[in-house]
Amino acid sequence: MCVTCGTALGYSRSEQQIVPLDLEGRYVDASGLIWHVCRNLNLSGCTWLAPLEGGQCFSCDLTRTRPNDEDAAGIENFPIAERAKRHLIAELDNLGFPVVGTAVVTGGDPVNGICFDLHSSTARRVVTGHDAGVITIDLAESNDANR
């Protein structure tokens, strides 16, 4: 939300800029495509735009696993990890590196794409790392004291 005028804002990945949304949470890009606020706005604070109304943005589509809703510590740290992931994707885009997910449904590559498993170590041990395109992150590491 714009702090000056109160207009709702969203991030257009294709344009690599923050854009104004209409009252219904939509944005029409220069080519006439209609974009919608990501369905995870209230869950993880995601402000990226999605191609379908009620759908997820590209960044949220990369998350394969997230903490259970009953995991208070995991859900508390989830937005921090998601924000860092969005920043990473935007930076890779800015540098010209292709970012491809693993989900075939969204045009991804199950062999060479990436996805994120965001686990909470409150219930079990989690090892942060990367294996064959799966990036696993322990959400407890979002907290400075746990890191």
N, C-alpha and C. Protein backbone atom coordinates (compact mmCIF):
# COMPACT_ATOMS: atom_id res chain seq x y z
N MET A 1 0.83 -1.17 0.00
CA MET A 1 0.00 0.00 0.00
C MET A 1 0.89 1.24 0.00
N CYS A 2 0.56 2.18 -0.87
CA CYS A 2 1.31 3.43 -0.94
C CYS A 2 1.07 4.21 0.35
N VAL A 3 2.17 4.62 0.99
CA VAL A 3 2.04 5.35 2.26
C VAL A 3 1.57 6.78 2.06
N THR A 4 1.63 7.28 0.84
CA THR A 4 1.20 8.65 0.56
C THR A 4 -0.28 8.72 0.22
N CYS A 5 -0.71 7.89 -0.75
CA CYS A 5 -2.09 8.01 -1.25
C CYS A 5 -3.00 6.84 -0.87
N GLY A 6 -2.42 5.76 -0.31
CA GLY A 6 -3.23 4.62 0.10
C GLY A 6 -3.58 3.64 -1.00
N THR A 7 -3.05 3.81 -2.20
CA THR A 7 -3.32 2.90 -3.31
C THR A 7 -2.69 1.55 -3.04
N ALA A 8 -3.44 0.47 -3.29
CA ALA A 8 -2.89 -0.88 -3.17
C ALA A 8 -1.85 -1.09 -4.26
N LEU A 9 -0.77 -1.78 -3.92
CA LEU A 9 0.33 -2.01 -4.85
C LEU A 9 0.64 -3.49 -4.96
N GLY A 10 1.22 -3.88 -6.08
CA GLY A 10 1.66 -5.25 -6.29
C GLY A 10 2.93 -5.24 -7.11
N TYR A 11 3.65 -6.38 -7.09
CA TYR A 11 4.90 -6.48 -7.84
C TYR A 11 4.64 -7.22 -9.14
N SER A 12 4.95 -6.58 -10.26
CA SER A 12 4.85 -7.19 -11.57
C SER A 12 6.21 -7.75 -11.93
N ARG A 13 6.33 -9.08 -11.88
CA ARG A 13 7.63 -9.71 -12.16
C ARG A 13 8.05 -9.46 -13.60
N SER A 14 7.13 -9.51 -14.53
CA SER A 14 7.49 -9.33 -15.94
C SER A 14 7.99 -7.92 -16.21
N GLU A 15 7.49 -6.95 -15.48
CA GLU A 15 7.93 -5.57 -15.65
C GLU A 15 9.00 -5.17 -14.63
N GLN A 16 9.24 -6.03 -13.67
CA GLN A 16 10.21 -5.81 -12.60
C GLN A 16 10.00 -4.46 -11.91
N GLN A 17 8.70 -4.22 -11.58
CA GLN A 17 8.41 -2.98 -10.86
C GLN A 17 7.13 -3.13 -10.04
N ILE A 18 7.00 -2.23 -9.09
CA ILE A 18 5.81 -2.18 -8.26
C ILE A 18 4.78 -1.34 -9.01
N VAL A 19 3.55 -1.87 -9.08
CA VAL A 19 2.51 -1.23 -9.89
C VAL A 19 1.25 -1.02 -9.05
N PRO A 20 0.42 -0.04 -9.43
CA PRO A 20 -0.82 0.20 -8.69
C PRO A 20 -1.90 -0.83 -9.05
N LEU A 21 -2.70 -1.21 -8.06
CA LEU A 21 -3.80 -2.13 -8.27
C LEU A 21 -5.11 -1.36 -8.23
N ASP A 22 -6.11 -1.88 -8.94
CA ASP A 22 -7.43 -1.25 -8.85
C ASP A 22 -8.11 -1.70 -7.56
N LEU A 23 -9.33 -1.28 -7.34
CA LEU A 23 -10.04 -1.59 -6.10
C LEU A 23 -10.32 -3.07 -5.92
N GLU A 24 -10.29 -3.85 -7.01
CA GLU A 24 -10.51 -5.30 -6.95
C GLU A 24 -9.19 -6.08 -6.86
N GLY A 25 -8.09 -5.40 -6.71
CA GLY A 25 -6.79 -6.06 -6.59
C GLY A 25 -6.25 -6.54 -7.92
N ARG A 26 -6.56 -5.82 -9.00
CA ARG A 26 -6.11 -6.20 -10.34
C ARG A 26 -5.18 -5.15 -10.93
N TYR A 27 -4.40 -5.60 -11.89
CA TYR A 27 -3.51 -4.71 -12.63
C TYR A 27 -3.52 -5.15 -14.09
N VAL A 28 -3.63 -4.21 -15.00
CA VAL A 28 -3.58 -4.50 -16.42
C VAL A 28 -2.22 -4.02 -16.93
N ASP A 29 -1.42 -4.97 -17.46
CA ASP A 29 -0.08 -4.59 -17.93
C ASP A 29 -0.14 -3.96 -19.32
N ALA A 30 1.00 -3.55 -19.84
CA ALA A 30 1.08 -2.84 -21.11
C ALA A 30 0.54 -3.65 -22.29
N SER A 31 0.62 -4.99 -22.18
CA SER A 31 0.13 -5.83 -23.27
C SER A 31 -1.36 -6.16 -23.13
N GLY A 32 -1.99 -5.66 -22.05
CA GLY A 32 -3.42 -5.89 -21.85
C GLY A 32 -3.76 -7.08 -20.97
N LEU A 33 -2.74 -7.80 -20.48
CA LEU A 33 -3.01 -8.93 -19.59
C LEU A 33 -3.45 -8.43 -18.22
N ILE A 34 -4.42 -9.13 -17.65
CA ILE A 34 -4.93 -8.77 -16.33
C ILE A 34 -4.24 -9.64 -15.29
N TRP A 35 -3.66 -8.99 -14.29
CA TRP A 35 -2.97 -9.67 -13.20
C TRP A 35 -3.75 -9.43 -11.92
N HIS A 36 -3.61 -10.37 -10.97
CA HIS A 36 -4.38 -10.33 -9.73
C HIS A 36 -3.43 -10.44 -8.53
N VAL A 37 -3.89 -9.93 -7.41
CA VAL A 37 -3.12 -10.06 -6.18
C VAL A 37 -2.98 -11.55 -5.85
N CYS A 38 -1.81 -11.95 -5.38
CA CYS A 38 -1.54 -13.36 -5.03
C CYS A 38 -2.43 -13.79 -3.87
N ARG A 39 -2.91 -15.01 -3.94
CA ARG A 39 -3.79 -15.51 -2.88
C ARG A 39 -3.09 -15.63 -1.52
N ASN A 40 -1.77 -15.55 -1.51
CA ASN A 40 -1.02 -15.67 -0.26
C ASN A 40 -0.69 -14.34 0.41
N LEU A 41 -1.37 -13.29 -0.03
CA LEU A 41 -1.13 -11.98 0.56
C LEU A 41 -1.30 -12.02 2.08
N ASN A 42 -2.38 -12.60 2.56
CA ASN A 42 -2.64 -12.62 4.01
C ASN A 42 -1.86 -13.71 4.74
N LEU A 43 -1.46 -14.77 4.04
CA LEU A 43 -0.71 -15.86 4.67
C LEU A 43 0.76 -15.51 4.84
N SER A 44 1.38 -15.02 3.77
CA SER A 44 2.82 -14.78 3.82
C SER A 44 3.22 -13.35 3.47
N GLY A 45 2.23 -12.49 3.27
CA GLY A 45 2.53 -11.11 2.91
C GLY A 45 2.97 -10.93 1.47
N CYS A 46 2.64 -11.91 0.62
CA CYS A 46 3.08 -11.86 -0.77
C CYS A 46 2.36 -10.76 -1.54
N THR A 47 3.13 -9.88 -2.16
CA THR A 47 2.57 -8.77 -2.93
C THR A 47 2.81 -8.95 -4.43
N TRP A 48 3.28 -10.13 -4.83
CA TRP A 48 3.50 -10.37 -6.25
C TRP A 48 2.16 -10.65 -6.93
N LEU A 49 2.12 -10.41 -8.22
CA LEU A 49 0.89 -10.59 -8.98
C LEU A 49 0.81 -11.97 -9.61
N ALA A 50 -0.42 -12.49 -9.66
CA ALA A 50 -0.70 -13.82 -10.19
C ALA A 50 -1.50 -13.71 -11.48
N PRO A 51 -1.31 -14.65 -12.40
CA PRO A 51 -2.04 -14.57 -13.67
C PRO A 51 -3.53 -14.91 -13.57
N LEU A 52 -3.92 -15.62 -12.51
CA LEU A 52 -5.31 -16.03 -12.35
C LEU A 52 -5.90 -15.46 -11.07
N GLU A 53 -7.14 -15.04 -11.12
CA GLU A 53 -7.82 -14.55 -9.93
C GLU A 53 -7.91 -15.69 -8.92
N GLY A 54 -7.49 -15.43 -7.69
CA GLY A 54 -7.48 -16.45 -6.65
C GLY A 54 -6.30 -17.40 -6.75
N GLY A 55 -5.37 -17.13 -7.67
CA GLY A 55 -4.21 -18.00 -7.87
C GLY A 55 -2.98 -17.48 -7.16
N GLN A 56 -1.92 -18.23 -7.32
CA GLN A 56 -0.63 -17.88 -6.73
C GLN A 56 0.27 -17.24 -7.77
N CYS A 57 1.20 -16.45 -7.28
CA CYS A 57 2.22 -15.85 -8.14
C CYS A 57 3.31 -16.88 -8.44
N PHE A 58 4.24 -16.51 -9.30
CA PHE A 58 5.35 -17.39 -9.66
C PHE A 58 6.16 -17.81 -8.44
N SER A 59 6.48 -16.87 -7.58
CA SER A 59 7.29 -17.18 -6.41
C SER A 59 6.60 -18.18 -5.48
N CYS A 60 5.33 -17.96 -5.21
CA CYS A 60 4.59 -18.89 -4.34
C CYS A 60 4.44 -20.27 -4.96
N ASP A 61 4.37 -20.32 -6.30
CA ASP A 61 4.31 -21.62 -6.99
C ASP A 61 5.58 -22.44 -6.76
N LEU A 62 6.69 -21.78 -6.46
CA LEU A 62 7.94 -22.50 -6.22
C LEU A 62 7.97 -23.18 -4.86
N THR A 63 7.09 -22.80 -3.96
CA THR A 63 7.06 -23.41 -2.63
C THR A 63 6.28 -24.72 -2.71
N ARG A 64 7.00 -25.81 -2.53
CA ARG A 64 6.40 -27.14 -2.60
C ARG A 64 5.83 -27.56 -1.25
N THR A 65 6.52 -27.17 -0.18
CA THR A 65 6.11 -27.56 1.17
C THR A 65 6.20 -26.35 2.08
N ARG A 66 5.17 -26.17 2.90
CA ARG A 66 5.17 -25.09 3.89
C ARG A 66 4.74 -25.68 5.22
N PRO A 67 4.93 -24.95 6.32
CA PRO A 67 4.56 -25.49 7.62
C PRO A 67 3.05 -25.67 7.77
N ASN A 68 2.69 -26.62 8.60
CA ASN A 68 1.31 -26.89 8.94
C ASN A 68 0.73 -25.69 9.67
N ASP A 69 -0.56 -25.42 9.45
CA ASP A 69 -1.21 -24.26 10.08
C ASP A 69 -1.16 -24.32 11.61
N GLU A 70 -1.07 -25.53 12.18
CA GLU A 70 -1.02 -25.67 13.64
C GLU A 70 0.38 -25.42 14.21
N ASP A 71 1.37 -25.30 13.35
CA ASP A 71 2.75 -25.06 13.78
C ASP A 71 2.96 -23.55 13.92
N ALA A 72 2.68 -23.02 15.11
CA ALA A 72 2.73 -21.57 15.34
C ALA A 72 4.10 -20.98 15.02
N ALA A 73 5.17 -21.64 15.45
CA ALA A 73 6.52 -21.12 15.20
C ALA A 73 6.84 -21.14 13.71
N GLY A 74 6.46 -22.20 13.02
CA GLY A 74 6.70 -22.29 11.58
C GLY A 74 5.93 -21.24 10.81
N ILE A 75 4.65 -21.07 11.15
CA ILE A 75 3.82 -20.07 10.47
C ILE A 75 4.33 -18.66 10.75
N GLU A 76 4.86 -18.43 11.95
CA GLU A 76 5.41 -17.11 12.28
C GLU A 76 6.64 -16.79 11.44
N ASN A 77 7.47 -17.79 11.18
CA ASN A 77 8.70 -17.58 10.41
C ASN A 77 8.50 -17.73 8.90
N PHE A 78 7.39 -18.30 8.48
CA PHE A 78 7.11 -18.54 7.06
C PHE A 78 7.17 -17.26 6.22
N PRO A 79 6.52 -16.15 6.63
CA PRO A 79 6.59 -14.92 5.81
C PRO A 79 8.00 -14.39 5.63
N ILE A 80 8.86 -14.58 6.62
CA ILE A 80 10.24 -14.11 6.53
C ILE A 80 10.98 -14.86 5.42
N ALA A 81 10.81 -16.17 5.39
CA ALA A 81 11.46 -17.00 4.37
C ALA A 81 10.89 -16.70 2.99
N GLU A 82 9.58 -16.54 2.91
CA GLU A 82 8.94 -16.23 1.61
C GLU A 82 9.41 -14.89 1.08
N ARG A 83 9.55 -13.90 1.95
CA ARG A 83 10.02 -12.58 1.53
C ARG A 83 11.45 -12.69 0.98
N ALA A 84 12.30 -13.45 1.68
CA ALA A 84 13.68 -13.63 1.22
C ALA A 84 13.71 -14.35 -0.13
N LYS A 85 12.81 -15.32 -0.31
CA LYS A 85 12.75 -16.05 -1.58
C LYS A 85 12.34 -15.10 -2.71
N ARG A 86 11.35 -14.25 -2.47
CA ARG A 86 10.93 -13.29 -3.49
C ARG A 86 12.08 -12.34 -3.86
N HIS A 87 12.83 -11.90 -2.86
CA HIS A 87 13.98 -11.02 -3.12
C HIS A 87 15.02 -11.75 -3.97
N LEU A 88 15.27 -13.01 -3.66
CA LEU A 88 16.23 -13.81 -4.42
C LEU A 88 15.79 -13.93 -5.88
N ILE A 89 14.53 -14.26 -6.10
CA ILE A 89 14.03 -14.43 -7.47
C ILE A 89 14.12 -13.11 -8.24
N ALA A 90 13.73 -12.02 -7.61
CA ALA A 90 13.82 -10.71 -8.27
C ALA A 90 15.27 -10.37 -8.62
N GLU A 91 16.19 -10.68 -7.73
CA GLU A 91 17.60 -10.41 -8.00
C GLU A 91 18.12 -11.29 -9.13
N LEU A 92 17.76 -12.57 -9.13
CA LEU A 92 18.17 -13.46 -10.23
C LEU A 92 17.59 -12.98 -11.56
N ASP A 93 16.32 -12.54 -11.54
CA ASP A 93 15.71 -11.97 -12.74
C ASP A 93 16.50 -10.75 -13.22
N ASN A 94 16.85 -9.87 -12.28
CA ASN A 94 17.58 -8.65 -12.59
C ASN A 94 18.95 -8.97 -13.20
N LEU A 95 19.56 -10.05 -12.75
CA LEU A 95 20.88 -10.45 -13.26
C LEU A 95 20.77 -11.24 -14.57
N GLY A 96 19.54 -11.58 -14.97
CA GLY A 96 19.34 -12.30 -16.22
C GLY A 96 19.41 -13.81 -16.12
N PHE A 97 19.40 -14.35 -14.90
CA PHE A 97 19.41 -15.80 -14.72
C PHE A 97 17.99 -16.34 -14.83
N PRO A 98 17.80 -17.38 -15.62
CA PRO A 98 16.45 -17.95 -15.71
C PRO A 98 16.08 -18.69 -14.42
N VAL A 99 14.87 -18.47 -13.95
CA VAL A 99 14.37 -19.17 -12.77
C VAL A 99 13.20 -20.02 -13.25
N VAL A 100 13.33 -21.33 -13.14
CA VAL A 100 12.31 -22.27 -13.62
C VAL A 100 11.92 -23.17 -12.46
N GLY A 101 10.62 -23.31 -12.25
CA GLY A 101 10.13 -24.21 -11.21
C GLY A 101 10.08 -25.64 -11.69
N THR A 102 9.71 -26.53 -10.79
CA THR A 102 9.62 -27.95 -11.13
C THR A 102 8.21 -28.38 -11.54
N ALA A 103 7.21 -27.58 -11.22
CA ALA A 103 5.82 -27.97 -11.48
C ALA A 103 5.49 -27.87 -12.96
N VAL A 104 5.17 -29.00 -13.57
CA VAL A 104 4.84 -29.05 -14.99
C VAL A 104 3.57 -28.25 -15.26
N VAL A 105 2.64 -28.24 -14.32
CA VAL A 105 1.37 -27.54 -14.48
C VAL A 105 1.58 -26.06 -14.77
N THR A 106 2.62 -25.48 -14.20
CA THR A 106 2.89 -24.05 -14.40
C THR A 106 4.01 -23.82 -15.42
N GLY A 107 4.29 -24.83 -16.24
CA GLY A 107 5.31 -24.68 -17.28
C GLY A 107 6.71 -24.94 -16.80
N GLY A 108 6.84 -25.61 -15.68
CA GLY A 108 8.15 -25.88 -15.12
C GLY A 108 8.84 -27.09 -15.72
N ASP A 109 10.01 -27.37 -15.24
CA ASP A 109 10.84 -28.48 -15.69
C ASP A 109 11.12 -29.38 -14.49
N PRO A 110 10.49 -30.57 -14.43
CA PRO A 110 10.67 -31.43 -13.27
C PRO A 110 12.08 -31.96 -13.08
N VAL A 111 12.91 -31.89 -14.11
CA VAL A 111 14.28 -32.39 -14.01
C VAL A 111 15.26 -31.27 -13.65
N ASN A 112 15.14 -30.13 -14.32
CA ASN A 112 16.11 -29.05 -14.13
C ASN A 112 15.57 -27.85 -13.36
N GLY A 113 14.30 -27.86 -12.97
CA GLY A 113 13.72 -26.75 -12.24
C GLY A 113 14.07 -26.79 -10.76
N ILE A 114 13.58 -25.77 -10.04
CA ILE A 114 13.79 -25.71 -8.59
C ILE A 114 12.45 -25.62 -7.87
N CYS A 115 12.48 -26.02 -6.62
CA CYS A 115 11.33 -25.82 -5.73
C CYS A 115 11.86 -25.67 -4.32
N PHE A 116 11.02 -25.18 -3.44
CA PHE A 116 11.42 -24.92 -2.06
C PHE A 116 10.57 -25.72 -1.10
N ASP A 117 11.23 -26.39 -0.16
CA ASP A 117 10.56 -27.04 0.96
C ASP A 117 10.91 -26.21 2.19
N LEU A 118 9.91 -25.53 2.74
CA LEU A 118 10.11 -24.67 3.91
C LEU A 118 9.55 -25.39 5.12
N HIS A 119 10.44 -26.00 5.88
CA HIS A 119 10.05 -26.83 7.03
C HIS A 119 10.35 -26.12 8.34
N SER A 120 9.62 -26.52 9.34
CA SER A 120 9.84 -26.01 10.69
C SER A 120 10.47 -27.11 11.52
N SER A 121 11.56 -26.80 12.20
CA SER A 121 12.24 -27.80 13.01
C SER A 121 11.65 -27.91 14.41
N THR A 122 10.46 -27.36 14.62
CA THR A 122 9.84 -27.48 15.94
C THR A 122 9.42 -28.92 16.23
N ALA A 123 9.06 -29.67 15.20
CA ALA A 123 8.58 -31.04 15.40
C ALA A 123 9.62 -32.09 15.01
N ARG A 124 10.56 -31.72 14.14
CA ARG A 124 11.56 -32.68 13.69
C ARG A 124 12.81 -31.95 13.22
N ARG A 125 13.88 -32.69 13.08
CA ARG A 125 15.14 -32.11 12.63
C ARG A 125 15.04 -31.78 11.13
N VAL A 126 15.53 -30.60 10.76
CA VAL A 126 15.52 -30.17 9.36
C VAL A 126 16.94 -29.77 8.99
N VAL A 127 17.39 -30.27 7.86
CA VAL A 127 18.72 -29.91 7.36
C VAL A 127 18.54 -28.97 6.17
N THR A 128 19.06 -27.76 6.32
CA THR A 128 19.01 -26.78 5.23
C THR A 128 20.01 -27.19 4.17
N GLY A 129 19.54 -27.18 2.92
CA GLY A 129 20.45 -27.56 1.84
C GLY A 129 19.74 -27.62 0.51
N HIS A 130 20.45 -28.19 -0.46
CA HIS A 130 19.96 -28.28 -1.84
C HIS A 130 20.25 -29.69 -2.35
N ASP A 131 19.26 -30.30 -2.99
CA ASP A 131 19.45 -31.62 -3.57
C ASP A 131 18.61 -31.74 -4.83
N ALA A 132 19.25 -31.81 -5.97
CA ALA A 132 18.58 -32.02 -7.26
C ALA A 132 17.43 -31.03 -7.49
N GLY A 133 17.67 -29.76 -7.20
CA GLY A 133 16.68 -28.74 -7.46
C GLY A 133 15.73 -28.45 -6.30
N VAL A 134 15.75 -29.28 -5.27
CA VAL A 134 14.91 -29.05 -4.10
C VAL A 134 15.74 -28.30 -3.06
N ILE A 135 15.29 -27.09 -2.74
CA ILE A 135 15.98 -26.25 -1.76
C ILE A 135 15.20 -26.36 -0.45
N THR A 136 15.84 -26.92 0.56
CA THR A 136 15.20 -27.13 1.86
C THR A 136 15.72 -26.09 2.84
N ILE A 137 14.78 -25.44 3.52
CA ILE A 137 15.14 -24.40 4.48
C ILE A 137 14.43 -24.68 5.80
N ASP A 138 15.20 -24.59 6.89
CA ASP A 138 14.63 -24.69 8.23
C ASP A 138 14.13 -23.31 8.62
N LEU A 139 12.83 -23.17 8.77
CA LEU A 139 12.24 -21.87 9.08
C LEU A 139 12.72 -21.30 10.41
N ALA A 140 13.17 -22.16 11.31
CA ALA A 140 13.68 -21.67 12.59
C ALA A 140 14.91 -20.78 12.36
N GLU A 141 15.60 -20.95 11.24
CA GLU A 141 16.78 -20.13 10.95
C GLU A 141 16.40 -18.69 10.59
N SER A 142 15.10 -18.43 10.44
CA SER A 142 14.65 -17.04 10.23
C SER A 142 14.86 -16.22 11.50
N ASN A 143 14.90 -16.92 12.63
CA ASN A 143 15.09 -16.29 13.93
C ASN A 143 16.57 -16.22 14.24
N ASP A 144 17.08 -15.03 14.48
CA ASP A 144 18.51 -14.83 14.74
C ASP A 144 19.03 -15.73 15.87
N ALA A 145 18.24 -15.89 16.92
CA ALA A 145 18.68 -16.69 18.06
C ALA A 145 18.85 -18.16 17.70
N ASN A 146 18.02 -18.67 16.80
CA ASN A 146 18.13 -20.08 16.38
C ASN A 146 19.23 -20.28 15.36
N ARG A 147 19.51 -19.29 14.56
CA ARG A 147 20.51 -19.41 13.52
C ARG A 147 21.87 -19.50 14.16
